[in-house]
C-alpha atoms as a PDB file:
ATOM      1  CA  GLN A   1      -6.827  71.640  85.990  1.00  0.00           C
ATOM      2  CA  ALA A   2      -5.249  68.591  85.128  1.00  0.00           C
ATOM      3  CA  PRO A   3      -1.974  68.765  83.105  1.00  0.00           C
ATOM      4  CA  ASP A   4      -0.999  65.489  83.197  1.00  0.00           C
ATOM      5  CA  ARG A   5      -2.669  62.729  80.760  1.00  0.00           C
ATOM      6  CA  PHE A   6      -5.286  60.653  81.677  1.00  0.00           C
ATOM      7  CA  PRO A   7      -6.827  57.595  80.196  1.00  0.00           C
ATOM      8  CA  PRO A   8     -10.355  57.106  79.620  1.00  0.00           C
ATOM      9  CA  LEU A   9     -12.513  55.468  81.834  1.00  0.00           C
ATOM     10  CA  ARG A  10     -13.478  52.130  81.627  1.00  0.00           C
ATOM     11  CA  ASN A  11     -15.663  49.386  83.024  1.00  0.00           C
ATOM     12  CA  GLU A  12     -15.911  49.977  86.852  1.00  0.00           C
ATOM     13  CA  ALA A  13     -13.767  53.046  86.698  1.00  0.00           C
ATOM     14  CA  ALA A  14     -16.412  54.398  84.578  1.00  0.00           C
ATOM     15  CA  VAL A  15     -19.238  53.593  86.821  1.00  0.00           C
ATOM     16  CA  HIS A  16     -17.395  54.747  90.298  1.00  0.00           C
ATOM     17  CA  VAL A  17     -16.487  58.324  88.707  1.00  0.00           C
ATOM     18  CA  LEU A  18     -18.950  59.418  86.155  1.00  0.00           C
ATOM     19  CA  ARG A  19     -21.962  58.254  88.014  1.00  0.00           C
ATOM     20  CA  GLY A  20     -23.832  60.326  90.481  1.00  0.00           C
ATOM     21  CA  ARG A  21     -24.760  63.921  91.290  1.00  0.00           C
ATOM     22  CA  MET A  22     -22.290  67.058  89.654  1.00  0.00           C
ATOM     23  CA  LYS A  23     -20.922  64.258  87.008  1.00  0.00           C
ATOM     24  CA  GLY A  24     -20.750  64.799  83.520  1.00  0.00           C
ATOM     25  CA  ILE A  25     -20.196  68.302  81.631  1.00  0.00           C
ATOM     26  CA  GLN A  26     -22.139  71.177  83.068  1.00  0.00           C
ATOM     27  CA  GLY A  27     -24.494  72.831  80.884  1.00  0.00           C
ATOM     28  CA  HIS A  28     -24.468  76.695  80.304  1.00  0.00           C
ATOM     29  CA  CYS A  29     -25.984  78.778  77.674  1.00  0.00           C
ATOM     30  CA  ASN A  30     -27.556  76.269  75.141  1.00  0.00           C
ATOM     31  CA  SER A  31     -24.360  73.935  75.367  1.00  0.00           C
ATOM     32  CA  CYS A  32     -25.951  70.909  75.343  1.00  0.00           C
ATOM     33  CA  TYR A  33     -24.816  69.949  71.866  1.00  0.00           C
ATOM     34  CA  MET A  34     -21.158  70.228  72.544  1.00  0.00           C
ATOM     35  CA  ASP A  35     -21.347  69.047  76.011  1.00  0.00           C
ATOM     36  CA  ALA A  36     -22.987  65.404  74.651  1.00  0.00           C
ATOM     37  CA  ALA A  37     -20.443  65.394  71.702  1.00  0.00           C
ATOM     38  CA  LEU A  38     -17.474  66.067  74.022  1.00  0.00           C
ATOM     39  CA  PHE A  39     -18.355  63.488  76.916  1.00  0.00           C
ATOM     40  CA  SER A  40     -19.321  60.927  73.811  1.00  0.00           C
ATOM     41  CA  LEU A  41     -15.666  61.452  72.047  1.00  0.00           C
ATOM     42  CA  PHE A  42     -13.495  61.340  75.039  1.00  0.00           C
ATOM     43  CA  SER A  43     -15.049  60.095  78.467  1.00  0.00           C
ATOM     44  CA  CYS A  44     -14.625  56.451  77.767  1.00  0.00           C
ATOM     45  CA  THR A  45     -12.548  56.083  74.326  1.00  0.00           C
ATOM     46  CA  SER A  46      -9.378  56.983  73.116  1.00  0.00           C
ATOM     47  CA  VAL A  47      -9.783  56.531  69.606  1.00  0.00           C
ATOM     48  CA  LEU A  48      -9.801  60.449  68.971  1.00  0.00           C
ATOM     49  CA  ASP A  49      -6.830  61.155  71.848  1.00  0.00           C
ATOM     50  CA  SER A  50      -4.720  62.458  68.750  1.00  0.00           C
ATOM     51  CA  MET A  51      -6.752  65.361  68.830  1.00  0.00           C
ATOM     52  CA  LEU A  52      -5.367  66.342  72.537  1.00  0.00           C
ATOM     53  CA  PHE A  53      -1.983  65.419  72.002  1.00  0.00           C
ATOM     54  CA  LYS A  54      -0.542  65.165  67.894  1.00  0.00           C
ATOM     55  CA  PRO A  55       0.990  68.337  66.605  1.00  0.00           C
ATOM     56  CA  PHE A  56      -1.237  68.312  63.304  1.00  0.00           C
ATOM     57  CA  PRO A  57       0.095  70.875  60.323  1.00  0.00           C
ATOM     58  CA  LEU A  58      -2.810  73.368  61.078  1.00  0.00           C
ATOM     59  CA  CYS A  59      -3.481  72.695  64.330  1.00  0.00           C
ATOM     60  CA  ASP A  60      -4.231  75.615  66.868  1.00  0.00           C
ATOM     61  CA  ARG A  61      -2.450  74.729  69.889  1.00  0.00           C
ATOM     62  CA  ASN A  62      -4.629  76.928  72.098  1.00  0.00           C
ATOM     63  CA  VAL A  63      -7.561  75.364  71.120  1.00  0.00           C
ATOM     64  CA  GLN A  64      -5.968  71.557  71.619  1.00  0.00           C
ATOM     65  CA  SER A  65      -4.669  72.798  75.192  1.00  0.00           C
ATOM     66  CA  ILE A  66      -8.011  73.769  76.211  1.00  0.00           C
ATOM     67  CA  LEU A  67      -9.722  70.797  74.990  1.00  0.00           C
ATOM     68  CA  ARG A  68      -6.854  68.519  76.956  1.00  0.00           C
ATOM     69  CA  ASP A  69      -6.442  70.297  80.032  1.00  0.00           C
ATOM     70  CA  GLU A  70      -9.679  71.867  80.972  1.00  0.00           C
ATOM     71  CA  ILE A  71     -12.402  69.326  79.667  1.00  0.00           C
ATOM     72  CA  VAL A  72     -11.011  65.896  78.701  1.00  0.00           C
ATOM     73  CA  ASN A  73      -8.547  65.581  81.457  1.00  0.00           C
ATOM     74  CA  PRO A  74     -10.694  66.730  84.370  1.00  0.00           C
ATOM     75  CA  LEU A  75     -13.632  64.594  83.084  1.00  0.00           C
ATOM     76  CA  ARG A  76     -11.316  61.557  83.078  1.00  0.00           C
ATOM     77  CA  LYS A  77      -9.886  62.450  86.317  1.00  0.00           C
ATOM     78  CA  THR A  78     -12.963  63.612  88.336  1.00  0.00           C
ATOM     79  CA  GLY A  79     -15.702  62.902  86.175  1.00  0.00           C
ATOM     80  CA  PHE A  80     -16.805  66.425  86.345  1.00  0.00           C
ATOM     81  CA  VAL A  81     -16.223  69.530  83.569  1.00  0.00           C
ATOM     82  CA  ARG A  82     -17.306  73.124  84.959  1.00  0.00           C
ATOM     83  CA  ALA A  83     -19.320  75.142  82.337  1.00  0.00           C
ATOM     84  CA  MET A  84     -16.839  77.655  82.705  1.00  0.00           C
ATOM     85  CA  SER A  85     -14.227  75.378  80.772  1.00  0.00           C
ATOM     86  CA  VAL A  86     -16.682  74.771  78.312  1.00  0.00           C
ATOM     87  CA  MET A  87     -17.578  78.521  77.272  1.00  0.00           C
ATOM     88  CA  HIS A  88     -13.421  78.804  77.228  1.00  0.00           C
ATOM     89  CA  LEU A  89     -13.648  76.496  74.244  1.00  0.00           C
ATOM     90  CA  ARG A  90     -16.834  78.248  73.015  1.00  0.00           C
ATOM     91  CA  GLU A  91     -15.266  81.786  72.835  1.00  0.00           C
ATOM     92  CA  GLN A  92     -12.301  80.106  70.917  1.00  0.00           C
ATOM     93  CA  LEU A  93     -14.400  78.366  68.389  1.00  0.00           C
ATOM     94  CA  THR A  94     -16.201  81.913  67.962  1.00  0.00           C
ATOM     95  CA  GLU A  95     -13.074  83.904  67.346  1.00  0.00           C
ATOM     96  CA  LYS A  96     -11.619  80.950  64.902  1.00  0.00           C
ATOM     97  CA  GLY A  97     -14.799  80.074  63.018  1.00  0.00           C
ATOM     98  CA  GLN A  98     -15.981  83.658  62.467  1.00  0.00           C
ATOM     99  CA  CYS A  99     -19.415  82.492  63.896  1.00  0.00           C
ATOM    100  CA  SER A 100     -20.506  84.973  66.962  1.00  0.00           C
ATOM    101  CA  SER A 101     -23.504  82.562  68.049  1.00  0.00           C
ATOM    102  CA  PHE A 102     -20.972  79.886  69.215  1.00  0.00           C
ATOM    103  CA  THR A 103     -21.173  81.290  72.642  1.00  0.00           C
ATOM    104  CA  ASN A 104     -24.719  81.364  73.032  1.00  0.00           C
ATOM    105  CA  ALA A 105     -26.997  79.751  70.505  1.00  0.00           C
ATOM    106  CA  GLU A 106     -27.727  75.804  70.143  1.00  0.00           C
ATOM    107  CA  LYS A 107     -25.643  74.512  67.090  1.00  0.00           C
ATOM    108  CA  ASP A 108     -25.525  71.367  65.243  1.00  0.00           C
ATOM    109  CA  PRO A 109     -23.065  68.793  66.553  1.00  0.00           C
ATOM    110  CA  GLU A 110     -22.098  68.440  62.755  1.00  0.00           C
ATOM    111  CA  GLU A 111     -20.999  72.253  62.894  1.00  0.00           C
ATOM    112  CA  PHE A 112     -19.026  71.932  65.875  1.00  0.00           C
ATOM    113  CA  LEU A 113     -17.264  68.901  65.004  1.00  0.00           C
ATOM    114  CA  ASN A 114     -16.474  70.316  61.369  1.00  0.00           C
ATOM    115  CA  LEU A 115     -15.101  73.414  62.908  1.00  0.00           C
ATOM    116  CA  ILE A 116     -12.814  71.756  65.448  1.00  0.00           C
ATOM    117  CA  MET A 117     -11.628  68.967  63.420  1.00  0.00           C
ATOM    118  CA  HIS A 118     -11.520  70.329  59.871  1.00  0.00           C
ATOM    119  CA  GLN A 119     -10.733  74.072  60.404  1.00  0.00           C
ATOM    120  CA  ILE A 120      -8.617  74.141  64.041  1.00  0.00           C
ATOM    121  CA  LEU A 121      -7.015  70.951  64.155  1.00  0.00           C
ATOM    122  CA  GLY A 122      -6.774  70.108  60.317  1.00  0.00           C
ATOM    123  CA  ILE A 123      -7.964  66.281  60.868  1.00  0.00           C
ATOM    124  CA  GLU A 124      -8.336  64.082  57.836  1.00  0.00           C
ATOM    125  CA  PRO A 125     -11.959  63.240  57.206  1.00  0.00           C
ATOM    126  CA  LEU A 126     -13.005  60.214  59.096  1.00  0.00           C
ATOM    127  CA  LEU A 127     -15.704  58.625  56.968  1.00  0.00           C
ATOM    128  CA  LYS A 128     -15.313  58.135  52.926  1.00  0.00           C
ATOM    129  CA  LEU A 129     -19.354  57.214  51.738  1.00  0.00           C
ATOM    130  CA  GLN A 130     -20.659  56.698  48.658  1.00  0.00           C
ATOM    131  CA  SER A 131     -24.129  56.658  47.400  1.00  0.00           C
ATOM    132  CA  GLY A 132     -25.685  54.912  44.696  1.00  0.00           C
ATOM    133  CA  GLY A 133     -22.430  54.787  42.469  1.00  0.00           C
ATOM    134  CA  GLN A 134     -21.636  58.130  42.664  1.00  0.00           C
ATOM    135  CA  LYS A 135     -18.626  60.017  43.578  1.00  0.00           C
ATOM    136  CA  GLU A 136     -17.140  59.391  47.000  1.00  0.00           C
ATOM    137  CA  GLN A 137     -17.818  61.979  49.814  1.00  0.00           C
ATOM    138  CA  ASP A 138     -15.600  62.836  52.695  1.00  0.00           C
ATOM    139  CA  CYS A 139     -17.240  63.506  56.147  1.00  0.00           C
ATOM    140  CA  TYR A 140     -16.561  63.486  59.786  1.00  0.00           C
ATOM    141  CA  CYS A 141     -19.608  62.097  61.214  1.00  0.00           C
ATOM    142  CA  TYR A 142     -22.841  60.705  60.028  1.00  0.00           C
ATOM    143  CA  GLN A 143     -26.245  61.734  60.796  1.00  0.00           C
ATOM    144  CA  ILE A 144     -29.014  59.286  60.702  1.00  0.00           C
ATOM    145  CA  PHE A 145     -32.041  60.272  58.162  1.00  0.00           C
ATOM    146  CA  MET A 146     -34.527  58.071  58.017  1.00  0.00           C
ATOM    147  CA  ASP A 147     -38.396  57.926  57.633  1.00  0.00           C
ATOM    148  CA  LYS A 148     -41.025  56.915  60.776  1.00  0.00           C
ATOM    149  CA  GLN A 149     -40.880  53.054  61.136  1.00  0.00           C
ATOM    150  CA  GLU A 150     -43.939  51.862  62.375  1.00  0.00           C
ATOM    151  CA  ASP A 151     -42.194  48.636  63.643  1.00  0.00           C
ATOM    152  CA  LEU A 152     -39.275  49.972  65.180  1.00  0.00           C
ATOM    153  CA  VAL A 153     -40.777  51.521  68.553  1.00  0.00           C
ATOM    154  CA  VAL A 154     -37.605  51.388  70.917  1.00  0.00           C
ATOM    155  CA  PRO A 155     -34.819  50.679  68.111  1.00  0.00           C
ATOM    156  CA  ASP A 156     -30.930  50.122  68.953  1.00  0.00           C
ATOM    157  CA  VAL A 157     -28.401  51.960  66.988  1.00  0.00           C
ATOM    158  CA  GLN A 158     -27.535  48.889  65.016  1.00  0.00           C
ATOM    159  CA  GLN A 159     -30.998  49.090  63.742  1.00  0.00           C
ATOM    160  CA  LEU A 160     -31.060  53.126  62.905  1.00  0.00           C
ATOM    161  CA  VAL A 161     -27.874  52.901  61.155  1.00  0.00           C
ATOM    162  CA  GLU A 162     -28.521  49.653  58.822  1.00  0.00           C
ATOM    163  CA  HIS A 163     -31.962  51.466  57.929  1.00  0.00           C
ATOM    164  CA  SER A 164     -30.526  54.678  57.149  1.00  0.00           C
ATOM    165  CA  PHE A 165     -28.060  53.561  54.956  1.00  0.00           C
ATOM    166  CA  LEU A 166     -30.390  51.308  52.813  1.00  0.00           C
ATOM    167  CA  SER A 167     -32.861  54.266  52.537  1.00  0.00           C
ATOM    168  CA  SER A 168     -30.326  56.624  51.603  1.00  0.00           C
ATOM    169  CA  ASP A 169     -28.487  53.967  49.240  1.00  0.00           C
ATOM    170  CA  LEU A 170     -25.162  54.535  50.873  1.00  0.00           C
ATOM    171  CA  LYS A 171     -21.953  52.476  51.846  1.00  0.00           C
ATOM    172  CA  LEU A 172     -18.850  52.757  53.517  1.00  0.00           C
ATOM    173  CA  VAL A 173     -15.969  52.757  50.884  1.00  0.00           C
ATOM    174  CA  GLU A 174     -13.461  51.795  53.553  1.00  0.00           C
ATOM    175  CA  ILE A 175     -13.683  50.635  57.321  1.00  0.00           C
ATOM    176  CA  PRO A 176     -13.335  53.806  59.087  1.00  0.00           C
ATOM    177  CA  SER A 177     -11.007  54.486  62.114  1.00  0.00           C
ATOM    178  CA  CYS A 178     -13.885  56.060  63.915  1.00  0.00           C
ATOM    179  CA  PHE A 179     -17.465  56.052  63.474  1.00  0.00           C
ATOM    180  CA  ILE A 180     -19.241  59.118  64.721  1.00  0.00           C
ATOM    181  CA  ILE A 181     -23.055  58.865  64.513  1.00  0.00           C
ATOM    182  CA  GLN A 182     -25.430  61.376  65.693  1.00  0.00           C
ATOM    183  CA  MET A 183     -28.971  60.324  66.345  1.00  0.00           C
ATOM    184  CA  PRO A 184     -31.987  61.486  64.818  1.00  0.00           C
ATOM    185  CA  ARG A 185     -33.949  64.073  66.663  1.00  0.00           C
ATOM    186  CA  PHE A 186     -36.166  67.276  65.533  1.00  0.00           C
ATOM    187  CA  GLY A 187     -35.756  69.986  68.171  1.00  0.00           C
ATOM    188  CA  LYS A 188     -37.497  70.252  71.272  1.00  0.00           C
ATOM    189  CA  GLU A 189     -41.088  69.637  69.585  1.00  0.00           C
ATOM    190  CA  TYR A 190     -40.785  66.445  68.249  1.00  0.00           C
ATOM    191  CA  LYS A 191     -38.515  63.403  68.749  1.00  0.00           C
ATOM    192  CA  MET A 192     -38.764  60.569  66.544  1.00  0.00           C
ATOM    193  CA  PHE A 193     -37.767  57.792  68.996  1.00  0.00           C
ATOM    194  CA  SER A 194     -38.759  58.344  73.176  1.00  0.00           C
ATOM    195  CA  LYS A 195     -35.628  55.930  73.314  1.00  0.00           C
ATOM    196  CA  ILE A 196     -32.805  54.467  71.763  1.00  0.00           C
ATOM    197  CA  ILE A 197     -31.063  51.639  72.977  1.00  0.00           C
ATOM    198  CA  PRO A 198     -27.195  51.958  72.617  1.00  0.00           C
ATOM    199  CA  SER A 199     -25.291  49.177  70.512  1.00  0.00           C
ATOM    200  CA  LEU A 200     -22.266  48.349  72.444  1.00  0.00           C
ATOM    201  CA  GLU A 201     -20.754  46.471  69.304  1.00  0.00           C
ATOM    202  CA  LEU A 202     -21.638  47.911  65.827  1.00  0.00           C
ATOM    203  CA  ASP A 203     -21.895  45.146  62.771  1.00  0.00           C
ATOM    204  CA  ILE A 204     -20.893  47.302  59.452  1.00  0.00           C
ATOM    205  CA  THR A 205     -20.429  44.360  57.539  1.00  0.00           C
ATOM    206  CA  ASP A 206     -23.491  44.830  55.417  1.00  0.00           C
ATOM    207  CA  LEU A 207     -22.463  48.465  55.105  1.00  0.00           C
ATOM    208  CA  LEU A 208     -19.410  48.396  53.079  1.00  0.00           C
ATOM    209  CA  LEU A 209     -18.556  48.959  49.684  1.00  0.00           C
ATOM    210  CA  ASP A 210     -17.547  45.809  47.555  1.00  0.00           C
ATOM    211  CA  SER A 211     -16.964  43.610  50.754  1.00  0.00           C
ATOM    212  CA  PRO A 212     -17.189  39.839  50.664  1.00  0.00           C
ATOM    213  CA  ARG A 213     -20.390  38.469  52.355  1.00  0.00           C
ATOM    214  CA  GLU A 214     -21.940  35.149  53.064  1.00  0.00           C
ATOM    215  CA  CYS A 215     -25.100  33.951  51.084  1.00  0.00           C
ATOM    216  CA  CYS A 216     -27.955  33.543  53.179  1.00  0.00           C
ATOM    217  CA  VAL A 217     -29.282  30.962  50.864  1.00  0.00           C
ATOM    218  CA  CYS A 218     -26.112  28.493  50.846  1.00  0.00           C
ATOM    219  CA  GLY A 219     -23.752  30.051  52.892  1.00  0.00           C
ATOM    220  CA  GLU A 220     -21.170  30.652  50.236  1.00  0.00           C
ATOM    221  CA  VAL A 221     -19.274  33.837  49.115  1.00  0.00           C
ATOM    222  CA  ALA A 222     -22.087  35.972  48.105  1.00  0.00           C
ATOM    223  CA  THR A 223     -22.564  36.930  44.197  1.00  0.00           C
ATOM    224  CA  LEU A 224     -25.260  39.119  44.267  1.00  0.00           C
ATOM    225  CA  GLU A 225     -26.738  41.716  46.646  1.00  0.00           C
ATOM    226  CA  CYS A 226     -30.571  42.298  47.083  1.00  0.00           C
ATOM    227  CA  SER A 227     -31.464  45.620  49.302  1.00  0.00           C
END
C-alpha cells in the first residue's frame, strides 16, 4: 500500500511505469470490467481525483480509502495492482450494494460506476443528455449504441460517438467535466469491431445542444442544422 498522494502518470513516465509484464491491474474472478474501468479513470488522468479525496456528504470513507490507498496510489506509483486489492473493493461493493455477485460475476461497467459514484460516494451525475427535445437525463457514463456500419471497419472513438449520438437523436445539454464513454461490445461471442482506435482528443462541438456552429457552406454562424 502507498498511503501518500501520487499524481497521474503522463507521457514518458506513463510508458516507463505501465509497460511490460506484471503491469496494470491483476484480473481475478471476472474482474475485467472493473479493472478496465479503474485503469481508464485513474491511471493517467486526475479529472476524477475528487472521488479519492473530497469528503462528499454521502461518501463512504472506507470505500474511498480502499480505492485511493490500495488501487489508485499503487497503480500510479508502481504500475501494478494486486487482485486482492480489487477483491477488497468488490467485497465492500457487495456489502453496500446489496448484490451478492459483485465478488464473482462479470457486471456491466455502468452498473459498477453508478453504484460507486452515486450510492457510495454521492457524486453528482457527470453528464446531462437530451433526446429529441425530451426531458433531460442525468447519467455518469455514456454507452455507445449503434447499428453495424459497413464503412466503419476500424473506427476511432470520435466516429463512434458521433454515429451513436446521431442514431439516438441525442445532444449534450452542457459541456461535461468528465465524459466517460463505454465502447460497444456484445459479450464473448460477438464483437462489433475487432479494433477501436483511441481518439486522443474528442470534438464535441456538434454534439452540444444549441451551440453556435459554423455553416459548412458560407462559414458564417449556422441557423439551420441538418442531421
